[in-house]
Amino acid sequence: LPDDVPLPLFEAATAREQPDEHAKPLPLMPPAEQVVADYQTIRLSLKGHPMEFLREMFSRERVVACKAISHENERRRVRCAGVVLVRQRPGSASGVVFMTLEDETGIANVVVWPKIMEQYRKEVMGARLILVEGYIQSSPEKVTHLIAQRMVDRSHDLVGLANDALGRKHTVPAGATVVEPLNEDPRALADMPAQKIRHPRNVRILPPSRDFH
C-alpha cells in the first residue's frame, strides 16, 4: 500500500545506478537537418521541402520557382529547377518525354522534345534535381508546360544539402556520379570505397522518382 514502509529489496530497485552527470540538453536541429532526417526516415517532411533551403542559391542564378510556370507567363523564357517526381514517355507521344518537377511552391510540367531528349538523355533519365531552361507554353484551357531547350543535372546540390545538415564539408563530385550521404556511418565516409559511388537517381535524400517508359 502507498503508506507501507518499503522493503530493502525494493529500495535497491529504485536506487539510481549512476550519479547525476549534469548532462546538458542537445542543441536544436537546424531546419535543413530536420527536413533531411525526415526524408531519410519517413520519406517525406511536414517541416519543409529541400528546395527551400536551396532557393537563395537558385535565386542568385535567376532560377524561378515552379509556381512561375503559369498561364500568365506564357511565352516567357525562364530557368526553373526542381526535384524530379515523374518521368514518362507514352508510346503515343512520338518519343516526347514528360517530366514533373516539384519545389516548395508546387509542381511544373516539362515537355522534352525528341531532339532535346537525344542531346540531354543522361540528364533527363538520371537527375534527381534538374535545372531546365526553356519557354512557357500554355493552352486556352490554361494547361501550362515548360518546353525544355537546355537541361542541367543539379543532383549534387541535394548531396551538398545533406552534407551540410550532417556537418560534413567534404568535396562532392559533380556530374553523373555522386556520393550517397545518408544511411551510411559518417565515420566510414572518409574510407568510402569506389563501389559506394552511386548513380544520382539513387541519392537517398528523396524517395525515387516514378518512371514510366
N, C-alpha and C. Protein backbone atom coordinates (compact mmCIF):
# COMPACT_ATOMS: atom_id res chain seq x y z
N LEU A 1 0.83 -1.19 0.00
CA LEU A 1 0.00 0.00 0.00
C LEU A 1 0.87 1.25 0.00
N PRO A 2 0.34 2.40 -0.44
CA PRO A 2 1.17 3.62 -0.53
C PRO A 2 1.82 4.02 0.78
N ASP A 3 1.16 3.77 1.92
CA ASP A 3 1.74 4.20 3.19
C ASP A 3 2.58 3.14 3.86
N ASP A 4 2.82 2.03 3.17
CA ASP A 4 3.68 0.99 3.73
C ASP A 4 5.14 1.41 3.71
N VAL A 5 5.92 0.90 4.61
CA VAL A 5 7.36 1.12 4.62
C VAL A 5 7.98 0.21 3.57
N PRO A 6 8.72 0.75 2.57
CA PRO A 6 9.29 -0.10 1.54
C PRO A 6 10.30 -1.08 2.10
N LEU A 7 10.30 -2.28 1.57
CA LEU A 7 11.26 -3.29 1.99
C LEU A 7 12.61 -3.02 1.34
N PRO A 8 13.69 -3.48 1.94
CA PRO A 8 15.04 -3.24 1.38
C PRO A 8 15.18 -3.74 -0.06
N LEU A 9 14.49 -4.84 -0.39
CA LEU A 9 14.59 -5.37 -1.75
C LEU A 9 14.15 -4.33 -2.77
N PHE A 10 13.05 -3.62 -2.50
CA PHE A 10 12.54 -2.63 -3.44
C PHE A 10 13.27 -1.30 -3.34
N GLU A 11 13.88 -1.03 -2.18
CA GLU A 11 14.71 0.17 -2.09
C GLU A 11 15.89 0.09 -3.05
N ALA A 12 16.46 -1.07 -3.16
CA ALA A 12 17.58 -1.25 -4.09
C ALA A 12 17.13 -1.08 -5.53
N ALA A 13 15.91 -1.49 -5.83
CA ALA A 13 15.41 -1.40 -7.20
C ALA A 13 15.18 0.03 -7.62
N THR A 14 14.85 0.90 -6.68
CA THR A 14 14.56 2.29 -7.02
C THR A 14 15.79 3.19 -6.94
N ALA A 15 16.91 2.66 -6.47
CA ALA A 15 18.11 3.47 -6.36
C ALA A 15 18.68 3.77 -7.75
N ARG A 16 19.30 4.95 -7.90
CA ARG A 16 19.93 5.32 -9.17
C ARG A 16 21.18 4.49 -9.37
N GLU A 17 21.35 3.94 -10.56
CA GLU A 17 22.52 3.14 -10.86
C GLU A 17 23.76 4.00 -11.03
N GLN A 18 23.59 5.23 -11.52
CA GLN A 18 24.72 6.11 -11.74
C GLN A 18 24.41 7.49 -11.17
N PRO A 19 25.40 8.19 -10.73
CA PRO A 19 25.14 9.55 -10.22
C PRO A 19 24.76 10.49 -11.35
N ASP A 20 24.17 11.62 -10.99
CA ASP A 20 23.79 12.63 -11.97
C ASP A 20 25.05 13.17 -12.65
N GLU A 21 25.08 13.11 -13.97
CA GLU A 21 26.24 13.56 -14.72
C GLU A 21 26.10 15.00 -15.19
N HIS A 22 25.05 15.66 -14.80
CA HIS A 22 24.82 17.06 -15.18
C HIS A 22 24.86 17.22 -16.71
N ALA A 23 24.17 16.33 -17.40
CA ALA A 23 24.17 16.37 -18.86
C ALA A 23 23.46 17.63 -19.35
N LYS A 24 24.02 18.24 -20.39
CA LYS A 24 23.43 19.43 -20.98
C LYS A 24 22.46 19.03 -22.09
N PRO A 25 21.41 19.81 -22.29
CA PRO A 25 20.46 19.47 -23.37
C PRO A 25 21.13 19.57 -24.73
N LEU A 26 20.68 18.73 -25.66
CA LEU A 26 21.22 18.76 -27.01
C LEU A 26 20.78 20.04 -27.72
N PRO A 27 21.61 20.57 -28.62
CA PRO A 27 21.21 21.76 -29.38
C PRO A 27 20.06 21.43 -30.32
N LEU A 28 19.26 22.44 -30.65
CA LEU A 28 18.15 22.24 -31.56
C LEU A 28 18.67 21.94 -32.96
N MET A 29 17.98 21.05 -33.66
CA MET A 29 18.36 20.72 -35.03
C MET A 29 18.00 21.88 -35.96
N PRO A 30 18.91 22.30 -36.84
CA PRO A 30 18.55 23.31 -37.83
C PRO A 30 17.44 22.78 -38.73
N PRO A 31 16.61 23.69 -39.30
CA PRO A 31 15.51 23.23 -40.15
C PRO A 31 15.95 22.33 -41.29
N ALA A 32 17.07 22.65 -41.95
CA ALA A 32 17.53 21.80 -43.06
C ALA A 32 17.85 20.40 -42.58
N GLU A 33 18.45 20.29 -41.41
CA GLU A 33 18.79 18.97 -40.87
C GLU A 33 17.52 18.19 -40.53
N GLN A 34 16.50 18.89 -40.01
CA GLN A 34 15.24 18.22 -39.71
C GLN A 34 14.59 17.66 -40.97
N VAL A 35 14.59 18.46 -42.04
CA VAL A 35 13.96 18.00 -43.28
C VAL A 35 14.71 16.81 -43.87
N VAL A 36 16.05 16.88 -43.88
CA VAL A 36 16.83 15.77 -44.41
C VAL A 36 16.58 14.51 -43.58
N ALA A 37 16.55 14.65 -42.26
CA ALA A 37 16.30 13.50 -41.40
C ALA A 37 14.91 12.93 -41.64
N ASP A 38 13.92 13.80 -41.85
CA ASP A 38 12.56 13.33 -42.14
C ASP A 38 12.52 12.50 -43.42
N TYR A 39 13.15 13.02 -44.48
CA TYR A 39 13.15 12.29 -45.74
C TYR A 39 13.92 10.98 -45.62
N GLN A 40 14.96 10.98 -44.80
CA GLN A 40 15.75 9.78 -44.62
C GLN A 40 14.95 8.69 -43.93
N THR A 41 14.11 9.07 -42.97
CA THR A 41 13.44 8.08 -42.14
C THR A 41 12.02 7.75 -42.60
N ILE A 42 11.24 8.78 -42.98
CA ILE A 42 9.84 8.51 -43.34
C ILE A 42 9.50 8.92 -44.76
N ARG A 43 10.51 9.36 -45.56
CA ARG A 43 10.36 9.63 -46.98
C ARG A 43 9.51 10.86 -47.29
N LEU A 44 9.22 11.68 -46.30
CA LEU A 44 8.52 12.95 -46.51
C LEU A 44 8.78 13.84 -45.31
N SER A 45 8.41 15.11 -45.44
CA SER A 45 8.57 16.03 -44.32
C SER A 45 7.45 17.04 -44.32
N LEU A 46 6.92 17.30 -43.13
CA LEU A 46 5.91 18.34 -42.96
C LEU A 46 6.55 19.66 -42.54
N LYS A 47 7.86 19.65 -42.34
CA LYS A 47 8.56 20.85 -41.88
C LYS A 47 9.05 21.72 -43.03
N GLY A 48 9.16 21.17 -44.22
CA GLY A 48 9.67 21.95 -45.34
C GLY A 48 10.02 21.06 -46.51
N HIS A 49 10.53 21.68 -47.56
CA HIS A 49 10.94 20.98 -48.77
C HIS A 49 12.42 21.25 -48.98
N PRO A 50 13.20 20.26 -49.43
CA PRO A 50 14.63 20.50 -49.63
C PRO A 50 14.93 21.71 -50.51
N MET A 51 14.07 21.99 -51.49
CA MET A 51 14.34 23.09 -52.40
C MET A 51 14.32 24.45 -51.72
N GLU A 52 13.57 24.59 -50.63
CA GLU A 52 13.51 25.91 -49.99
C GLU A 52 14.84 26.28 -49.36
N PHE A 53 15.65 25.29 -49.03
CA PHE A 53 16.97 25.58 -48.46
C PHE A 53 18.00 25.86 -49.55
N LEU A 54 17.64 25.58 -50.80
CA LEU A 54 18.49 25.90 -51.94
C LEU A 54 17.98 27.13 -52.70
N ARG A 55 16.87 27.69 -52.25
CA ARG A 55 16.21 28.76 -53.01
C ARG A 55 17.10 29.99 -53.14
N GLU A 56 17.77 30.37 -52.08
CA GLU A 56 18.62 31.56 -52.15
C GLU A 56 19.70 31.40 -53.22
N MET A 57 20.30 30.22 -53.28
CA MET A 57 21.33 29.96 -54.28
C MET A 57 20.74 30.04 -55.69
N PHE A 58 19.58 29.40 -55.90
CA PHE A 58 18.97 29.42 -57.23
C PHE A 58 18.47 30.82 -57.60
N SER A 59 18.01 31.58 -56.62
CA SER A 59 17.57 32.94 -56.91
C SER A 59 18.72 33.79 -57.41
N ARG A 60 19.89 33.59 -56.84
CA ARG A 60 21.06 34.33 -57.33
C ARG A 60 21.39 33.96 -58.77
N GLU A 61 21.02 32.75 -59.17
CA GLU A 61 21.24 32.31 -60.55
C GLU A 61 20.05 32.66 -61.46
N ARG A 62 19.09 33.40 -60.93
CA ARG A 62 17.89 33.80 -61.66
C ARG A 62 17.08 32.59 -62.12
N VAL A 63 16.99 31.63 -61.25
CA VAL A 63 16.17 30.44 -61.48
C VAL A 63 14.85 30.64 -60.76
N VAL A 64 13.74 30.53 -61.49
CA VAL A 64 12.43 30.79 -60.91
C VAL A 64 11.88 29.54 -60.24
N ALA A 65 10.89 29.74 -59.38
CA ALA A 65 10.22 28.63 -58.72
C ALA A 65 9.18 28.02 -59.66
N CYS A 66 8.72 26.82 -59.31
CA CYS A 66 7.75 26.12 -60.16
C CYS A 66 6.45 26.90 -60.32
N LYS A 67 6.07 27.70 -59.33
CA LYS A 67 4.81 28.44 -59.42
C LYS A 67 4.84 29.47 -60.55
N ALA A 68 6.05 29.86 -60.99
CA ALA A 68 6.16 30.83 -62.08
C ALA A 68 5.84 30.23 -63.44
N ILE A 69 5.79 28.90 -63.52
CA ILE A 69 5.42 28.25 -64.79
C ILE A 69 3.90 28.27 -64.85
N SER A 70 3.36 29.41 -65.27
CA SER A 70 1.92 29.64 -65.19
C SER A 70 1.41 30.24 -66.50
N HIS A 71 0.09 30.23 -66.64
CA HIS A 71 -0.57 30.76 -67.84
C HIS A 71 -0.24 32.24 -68.04
N GLU A 72 -0.11 32.98 -66.95
CA GLU A 72 0.17 34.41 -67.03
C GLU A 72 1.54 34.70 -67.62
N ASN A 73 2.45 33.75 -67.55
CA ASN A 73 3.81 33.96 -68.06
C ASN A 73 4.05 33.26 -69.39
N GLU A 74 2.99 33.02 -70.14
CA GLU A 74 3.13 32.30 -71.41
C GLU A 74 4.14 32.99 -72.33
N ARG A 75 4.93 32.14 -72.99
CA ARG A 75 5.98 32.52 -73.95
C ARG A 75 7.21 33.13 -73.27
N ARG A 76 7.18 33.28 -71.98
CA ARG A 76 8.34 33.83 -71.30
C ARG A 76 9.44 32.78 -71.23
N ARG A 77 10.68 33.19 -71.48
CA ARG A 77 11.83 32.29 -71.36
C ARG A 77 12.32 32.32 -69.91
N VAL A 78 12.46 31.15 -69.31
CA VAL A 78 12.81 31.06 -67.90
C VAL A 78 13.80 29.93 -67.67
N ARG A 79 14.37 29.96 -66.47
CA ARG A 79 15.16 28.86 -65.96
C ARG A 79 14.48 28.40 -64.68
N CYS A 80 14.13 27.12 -64.62
CA CYS A 80 13.38 26.58 -63.49
C CYS A 80 14.06 25.29 -63.02
N ALA A 81 14.10 25.10 -61.71
CA ALA A 81 14.72 23.90 -61.14
C ALA A 81 13.77 23.25 -60.16
N GLY A 82 13.85 21.93 -60.08
CA GLY A 82 13.02 21.21 -59.13
C GLY A 82 13.43 19.76 -59.02
N VAL A 83 12.90 19.11 -58.00
CA VAL A 83 13.11 17.68 -57.80
C VAL A 83 12.24 16.91 -58.80
N VAL A 84 12.79 15.89 -59.43
CA VAL A 84 12.05 15.13 -60.43
C VAL A 84 11.13 14.13 -59.72
N LEU A 85 9.82 14.30 -59.91
CA LEU A 85 8.85 13.37 -59.34
C LEU A 85 8.51 12.24 -60.30
N VAL A 86 8.29 12.60 -61.58
CA VAL A 86 7.80 11.63 -62.56
C VAL A 86 8.49 11.86 -63.89
N ARG A 87 8.85 10.78 -64.55
CA ARG A 87 9.28 10.80 -65.95
C ARG A 87 8.38 9.83 -66.70
N GLN A 88 7.91 10.24 -67.86
CA GLN A 88 7.11 9.32 -68.66
C GLN A 88 7.26 9.64 -70.14
N ARG A 89 7.26 8.57 -70.93
CA ARG A 89 7.34 8.70 -72.38
C ARG A 89 6.27 7.79 -72.97
N PRO A 90 5.04 8.29 -73.12
CA PRO A 90 3.95 7.45 -73.64
C PRO A 90 4.25 6.97 -75.06
N GLY A 91 3.79 5.77 -75.35
CA GLY A 91 4.00 5.22 -76.68
C GLY A 91 3.33 6.02 -77.77
N SER A 92 2.27 6.74 -77.43
CA SER A 92 1.53 7.53 -78.42
C SER A 92 2.08 8.95 -78.57
N ALA A 93 3.17 9.27 -77.88
CA ALA A 93 3.67 10.65 -77.88
C ALA A 93 4.83 10.86 -78.84
N SER A 94 5.12 9.88 -79.69
CA SER A 94 6.17 10.02 -80.72
C SER A 94 7.52 10.39 -80.13
N GLY A 95 7.86 9.79 -78.99
CA GLY A 95 9.16 10.00 -78.39
C GLY A 95 9.27 11.19 -77.47
N VAL A 96 8.19 11.92 -77.25
CA VAL A 96 8.22 13.07 -76.34
C VAL A 96 8.25 12.58 -74.89
N VAL A 97 9.10 13.18 -74.07
CA VAL A 97 9.19 12.83 -72.66
C VAL A 97 8.53 13.93 -71.83
N PHE A 98 7.73 13.53 -70.87
CA PHE A 98 7.09 14.46 -69.95
C PHE A 98 7.69 14.27 -68.57
N MET A 99 8.09 15.36 -67.95
CA MET A 99 8.66 15.33 -66.60
C MET A 99 7.85 16.22 -65.68
N THR A 100 7.71 15.80 -64.44
CA THR A 100 7.06 16.61 -63.41
C THR A 100 8.09 16.99 -62.36
N LEU A 101 8.28 18.31 -62.18
CA LEU A 101 9.22 18.81 -61.19
C LEU A 101 8.45 19.37 -59.99
N GLU A 102 9.09 19.32 -58.83
CA GLU A 102 8.46 19.82 -57.61
C GLU A 102 9.46 20.66 -56.83
N ASP A 103 8.97 21.76 -56.26
CA ASP A 103 9.74 22.52 -55.27
C ASP A 103 8.79 22.93 -54.16
N GLU A 104 9.23 23.86 -53.31
CA GLU A 104 8.41 24.25 -52.16
C GLU A 104 7.17 25.03 -52.55
N THR A 105 7.06 25.46 -53.82
CA THR A 105 5.91 26.26 -54.26
C THR A 105 4.88 25.45 -55.03
N GLY A 106 5.22 24.23 -55.44
CA GLY A 106 4.29 23.43 -56.22
C GLY A 106 5.01 22.58 -57.25
N ILE A 107 4.32 22.31 -58.37
CA ILE A 107 4.89 21.47 -59.41
C ILE A 107 4.91 22.21 -60.75
N ALA A 108 5.76 21.73 -61.64
CA ALA A 108 5.83 22.25 -63.01
C ALA A 108 5.98 21.07 -63.95
N ASN A 109 5.25 21.13 -65.06
CA ASN A 109 5.29 20.08 -66.07
C ASN A 109 6.22 20.49 -67.20
N VAL A 110 7.15 19.61 -67.54
CA VAL A 110 8.18 19.89 -68.53
C VAL A 110 7.98 18.97 -69.73
N VAL A 111 8.07 19.55 -70.93
CA VAL A 111 8.00 18.78 -72.18
C VAL A 111 9.39 18.74 -72.79
N VAL A 112 9.86 17.53 -73.07
CA VAL A 112 11.18 17.34 -73.67
C VAL A 112 10.97 16.72 -75.05
N TRP A 113 11.20 17.51 -76.09
CA TRP A 113 11.03 17.01 -77.45
C TRP A 113 12.15 16.01 -77.79
N PRO A 114 11.91 15.09 -78.73
CA PRO A 114 12.90 14.04 -79.03
C PRO A 114 14.30 14.56 -79.32
N LYS A 115 14.41 15.69 -80.02
CA LYS A 115 15.74 16.22 -80.33
C LYS A 115 16.46 16.65 -79.06
N ILE A 116 15.74 17.27 -78.12
CA ILE A 116 16.34 17.68 -76.86
C ILE A 116 16.64 16.44 -76.00
N MET A 117 15.75 15.46 -76.06
CA MET A 117 15.97 14.22 -75.33
C MET A 117 17.25 13.54 -75.79
N GLU A 118 17.48 13.53 -77.07
CA GLU A 118 18.69 12.91 -77.60
C GLU A 118 19.93 13.64 -77.11
N GLN A 119 19.85 14.94 -76.99
CA GLN A 119 21.01 15.74 -76.57
C GLN A 119 21.26 15.66 -75.07
N TYR A 120 20.17 15.57 -74.28
CA TYR A 120 20.30 15.60 -72.82
C TYR A 120 19.75 14.32 -72.19
N ARG A 121 19.95 13.22 -72.82
CA ARG A 121 19.40 11.95 -72.33
C ARG A 121 19.89 11.62 -70.91
N LYS A 122 21.18 11.81 -70.65
CA LYS A 122 21.72 11.49 -69.33
C LYS A 122 21.05 12.32 -68.25
N GLU A 123 20.85 13.61 -68.51
CA GLU A 123 20.22 14.49 -67.52
C GLU A 123 18.75 14.11 -67.33
N VAL A 124 18.06 13.85 -68.43
CA VAL A 124 16.63 13.53 -68.33
C VAL A 124 16.41 12.24 -67.55
N MET A 125 17.22 11.24 -67.83
CA MET A 125 16.99 9.92 -67.24
C MET A 125 17.62 9.76 -65.86
N GLY A 126 18.63 10.58 -65.54
CA GLY A 126 19.36 10.32 -64.32
C GLY A 126 19.22 11.33 -63.21
N ALA A 127 18.87 12.58 -63.51
CA ALA A 127 18.92 13.63 -62.48
C ALA A 127 17.81 13.46 -61.46
N ARG A 128 18.14 13.70 -60.19
CA ARG A 128 17.12 13.78 -59.15
C ARG A 128 16.69 15.23 -58.93
N LEU A 129 17.61 16.14 -59.14
CA LEU A 129 17.32 17.57 -59.13
C LEU A 129 17.83 18.13 -60.45
N ILE A 130 16.96 18.77 -61.21
CA ILE A 130 17.33 19.19 -62.56
C ILE A 130 16.97 20.66 -62.77
N LEU A 131 17.80 21.35 -63.52
CA LEU A 131 17.54 22.73 -63.93
C LEU A 131 17.18 22.71 -65.40
N VAL A 132 16.05 23.32 -65.74
CA VAL A 132 15.54 23.32 -67.11
C VAL A 132 15.48 24.76 -67.61
N GLU A 133 16.05 24.99 -68.77
CA GLU A 133 15.93 26.28 -69.44
C GLU A 133 15.02 26.10 -70.65
N GLY A 134 14.09 27.02 -70.82
CA GLY A 134 13.18 26.92 -71.95
C GLY A 134 12.14 28.03 -71.91
N TYR A 135 11.01 27.80 -72.57
CA TYR A 135 9.95 28.81 -72.59
C TYR A 135 8.63 28.18 -72.18
N ILE A 136 7.76 29.02 -71.65
CA ILE A 136 6.47 28.57 -71.13
C ILE A 136 5.45 28.55 -72.25
N GLN A 137 4.71 27.46 -72.33
CA GLN A 137 3.65 27.31 -73.34
C GLN A 137 2.36 26.96 -72.61
N SER A 138 1.28 27.69 -72.95
CA SER A 138 0.01 27.48 -72.28
C SER A 138 -1.11 27.43 -73.30
N SER A 139 -2.10 26.58 -73.04
CA SER A 139 -3.25 26.45 -73.92
C SER A 139 -4.36 27.39 -73.46
N PRO A 140 -5.40 27.59 -74.30
CA PRO A 140 -6.53 28.42 -73.86
C PRO A 140 -7.19 27.89 -72.58
N GLU A 141 -7.06 26.58 -72.35
CA GLU A 141 -7.62 25.99 -71.12
C GLU A 141 -6.68 26.15 -69.93
N LYS A 142 -5.57 26.89 -70.15
CA LYS A 142 -4.57 27.17 -69.11
C LYS A 142 -3.81 25.91 -68.67
N VAL A 143 -3.67 24.95 -69.59
CA VAL A 143 -2.78 23.82 -69.36
C VAL A 143 -1.37 24.28 -69.74
N THR A 144 -0.49 24.35 -68.77
CA THR A 144 0.79 25.02 -68.94
C THR A 144 1.94 24.03 -68.85
N HIS A 145 2.92 24.21 -69.75
CA HIS A 145 4.12 23.39 -69.75
C HIS A 145 5.34 24.28 -69.91
N LEU A 146 6.47 23.78 -69.47
CA LEU A 146 7.76 24.39 -69.75
C LEU A 146 8.42 23.56 -70.85
N ILE A 147 8.64 24.17 -72.01
CA ILE A 147 9.25 23.48 -73.13
C ILE A 147 10.77 23.55 -72.97
N ALA A 148 11.39 22.41 -72.74
CA ALA A 148 12.81 22.37 -72.42
C ALA A 148 13.66 22.63 -73.66
N GLN A 149 14.70 23.44 -73.48
CA GLN A 149 15.69 23.68 -74.52
C GLN A 149 17.10 23.35 -74.05
N ARG A 150 17.31 23.40 -72.76
CA ARG A 150 18.61 23.04 -72.18
C ARG A 150 18.36 22.49 -70.78
N MET A 151 19.13 21.48 -70.37
CA MET A 151 18.91 20.83 -69.09
C MET A 151 20.25 20.59 -68.40
N VAL A 152 20.26 20.80 -67.07
CA VAL A 152 21.48 20.64 -66.28
C VAL A 152 21.17 19.79 -65.07
N ASP A 153 21.96 18.74 -64.85
CA ASP A 153 21.81 17.89 -63.68
C ASP A 153 22.38 18.61 -62.46
N ARG A 154 21.53 18.90 -61.48
CA ARG A 154 21.98 19.59 -60.25
C ARG A 154 21.82 18.69 -59.02
N SER A 155 21.88 17.38 -59.23
CA SER A 155 21.72 16.44 -58.11
C SER A 155 22.75 16.68 -57.02
N HIS A 156 23.95 17.13 -57.40
CA HIS A 156 25.00 17.35 -56.41
C HIS A 156 24.61 18.41 -55.39
N ASP A 157 23.67 19.30 -55.74
CA ASP A 157 23.22 20.30 -54.76
C ASP A 157 22.42 19.64 -53.64
N LEU A 158 21.69 18.58 -53.96
CA LEU A 158 20.98 17.83 -52.91
C LEU A 158 21.97 17.16 -51.98
N VAL A 159 23.03 16.59 -52.56
CA VAL A 159 24.04 15.94 -51.73
C VAL A 159 24.72 16.97 -50.84
N GLY A 160 24.99 18.15 -51.39
CA GLY A 160 25.59 19.21 -50.59
C GLY A 160 24.69 19.62 -49.44
N LEU A 161 23.37 19.63 -49.68
CA LEU A 161 22.43 19.96 -48.62
C LEU A 161 22.51 18.93 -47.50
N ALA A 162 22.57 17.65 -47.86
CA ALA A 162 22.67 16.60 -46.85
C ALA A 162 23.99 16.68 -46.11
N ASN A 163 25.06 16.98 -46.82
CA ASN A 163 26.36 17.10 -46.16
C ASN A 163 26.35 18.23 -45.15
N ASP A 164 25.75 19.37 -45.50
CA ASP A 164 25.65 20.49 -44.57
C ASP A 164 24.84 20.09 -43.34
N ALA A 165 23.73 19.39 -43.58
CA ALA A 165 22.87 19.00 -42.46
C ALA A 165 23.58 18.03 -41.53
N LEU A 166 24.44 17.19 -42.07
CA LEU A 166 25.13 16.21 -41.26
C LEU A 166 26.47 16.72 -40.73
N GLY A 167 26.79 17.99 -41.06
CA GLY A 167 28.00 18.57 -40.52
C GLY A 167 29.25 18.13 -41.24
N ARG A 168 29.12 17.69 -42.51
CA ARG A 168 30.30 17.24 -43.25
C ARG A 168 30.52 18.19 -44.41
N LYS A 169 31.74 18.59 -44.61
CA LYS A 169 32.07 19.58 -45.61
C LYS A 169 33.04 19.02 -46.65
N HIS A 170 32.95 17.70 -46.94
CA HIS A 170 33.88 17.17 -47.91
C HIS A 170 33.44 17.52 -49.33
N THR A 171 34.33 17.45 -50.25
CA THR A 171 34.05 17.81 -51.63
C THR A 171 33.13 16.78 -52.27
N VAL A 172 32.12 17.25 -53.00
CA VAL A 172 31.17 16.35 -53.65
C VAL A 172 31.46 16.34 -55.14
N PRO A 173 31.62 15.16 -55.75
CA PRO A 173 31.84 15.12 -57.19
C PRO A 173 30.65 15.67 -57.94
N ALA A 174 30.89 16.41 -59.00
CA ALA A 174 29.80 16.94 -59.83
C ALA A 174 29.52 15.98 -60.97
N GLY A 175 28.37 16.17 -61.60
CA GLY A 175 28.07 15.39 -62.80
C GLY A 175 27.31 14.13 -62.47
N ALA A 176 27.65 13.07 -63.19
CA ALA A 176 26.84 11.86 -63.15
C ALA A 176 27.11 10.98 -61.94
N THR A 177 28.19 11.22 -61.19
CA THR A 177 28.49 10.38 -60.04
C THR A 177 28.47 11.23 -58.78
N VAL A 178 27.70 10.79 -57.80
CA VAL A 178 27.63 11.50 -56.53
C VAL A 178 27.71 10.49 -55.41
N VAL A 179 28.15 10.94 -54.25
CA VAL A 179 28.27 10.06 -53.10
C VAL A 179 26.94 10.00 -52.38
N GLU A 180 26.50 8.81 -52.03
CA GLU A 180 25.27 8.66 -51.27
C GLU A 180 25.57 8.98 -49.81
N PRO A 181 25.04 10.10 -49.27
CA PRO A 181 25.48 10.55 -47.96
C PRO A 181 24.71 9.98 -46.80
N LEU A 182 23.49 9.46 -47.02
CA LEU A 182 22.67 9.01 -45.93
C LEU A 182 22.66 7.49 -45.86
N ASN A 183 22.14 6.97 -44.74
CA ASN A 183 22.14 5.54 -44.48
C ASN A 183 23.55 4.98 -44.45
N GLU A 184 24.51 5.80 -44.13
CA GLU A 184 25.89 5.37 -44.01
C GLU A 184 26.43 5.87 -42.68
N ASP A 185 27.38 5.14 -42.11
CA ASP A 185 28.05 5.60 -40.90
C ASP A 185 28.92 6.79 -41.27
N PRO A 186 28.71 7.98 -40.69
CA PRO A 186 29.52 9.14 -41.06
C PRO A 186 31.01 8.90 -40.89
N ARG A 187 31.38 8.06 -39.90
CA ARG A 187 32.80 7.81 -39.67
C ARG A 187 33.43 7.01 -40.80
N ALA A 188 32.58 6.32 -41.58
CA ALA A 188 33.13 5.48 -42.64
C ALA A 188 33.23 6.21 -43.97
N LEU A 189 32.68 7.42 -44.06
CA LEU A 189 32.66 8.11 -45.35
C LEU A 189 34.06 8.44 -45.84
N ALA A 190 34.97 8.73 -44.90
CA ALA A 190 36.32 9.08 -45.32
C ALA A 190 37.00 7.91 -46.02
N ASP A 191 36.59 6.69 -45.67
CA ASP A 191 37.19 5.49 -46.27
C ASP A 191 36.25 4.84 -47.27
N MET A 192 35.30 5.61 -47.82
CA MET A 192 34.29 5.04 -48.70
C MET A 192 34.94 4.45 -49.95
N PRO A 193 34.72 3.17 -50.24
CA PRO A 193 35.33 2.57 -51.43
C PRO A 193 34.65 3.01 -52.69
N ALA A 194 35.25 2.65 -53.82
CA ALA A 194 34.75 3.11 -55.11
C ALA A 194 33.35 2.60 -55.38
N GLN A 195 32.98 1.40 -54.89
CA GLN A 195 31.66 0.87 -55.18
C GLN A 195 30.53 1.63 -54.51
N LYS A 196 30.89 2.55 -53.56
CA LYS A 196 29.87 3.36 -52.92
C LYS A 196 29.50 4.59 -53.74
N ILE A 197 30.17 4.82 -54.86
CA ILE A 197 29.79 5.92 -55.73
C ILE A 197 28.55 5.47 -56.50
N ARG A 198 27.46 6.22 -56.35
CA ARG A 198 26.17 5.80 -56.87
C ARG A 198 25.70 6.70 -58.00
N HIS A 199 24.77 6.17 -58.77
CA HIS A 199 24.10 6.95 -59.79
C HIS A 199 23.26 8.02 -59.11
N PRO A 200 23.18 9.24 -59.68
CA PRO A 200 22.46 10.32 -58.99
C PRO A 200 21.00 10.01 -58.71
N ARG A 201 20.39 9.13 -59.51
CA ARG A 201 18.99 8.80 -59.22
C ARG A 201 18.86 8.07 -57.89
N ASN A 202 19.96 7.49 -57.39
CA ASN A 202 19.92 6.71 -56.17
C ASN A 202 20.33 7.48 -54.93
N VAL A 203 20.45 8.80 -55.04
CA VAL A 203 20.76 9.60 -53.86
C VAL A 203 19.60 9.46 -52.88
N ARG A 204 19.89 8.97 -51.68
CA ARG A 204 18.82 8.61 -50.75
C ARG A 204 18.39 9.77 -49.87
N ILE A 205 18.30 10.95 -50.43
CA ILE A 205 17.74 12.07 -49.68
C ILE A 205 16.23 12.11 -49.93
N LEU A 206 15.82 11.77 -51.13
CA LEU A 206 14.42 11.80 -51.50
C LEU A 206 13.99 10.42 -51.97
N PRO A 207 12.69 10.13 -51.91
CA PRO A 207 12.22 8.89 -52.50
C PRO A 207 12.52 8.87 -54.00
N PRO A 208 12.69 7.70 -54.60
CA PRO A 208 13.00 7.64 -56.03
C PRO A 208 11.84 8.17 -56.86
N SER A 209 12.17 8.70 -58.04
CA SER A 209 11.14 9.19 -58.94
C SER A 209 10.34 8.03 -59.51
N ARG A 210 9.15 8.33 -60.00
CA ARG A 210 8.31 7.32 -60.65
C ARG A 210 8.49 7.45 -62.16
N ASP A 211 9.03 6.45 -62.76
CA ASP A 211 9.39 6.49 -64.18
C ASP A 211 8.55 5.51 -64.97
N PHE A 212 7.97 6.00 -66.07
CA PHE A 212 7.16 5.17 -66.96
C PHE A 212 7.71 5.33 -68.37
N HIS A 213 8.06 4.23 -69.01
CA HIS A 213 8.64 4.31 -70.35
C HIS A 213 7.76 3.53 -71.33
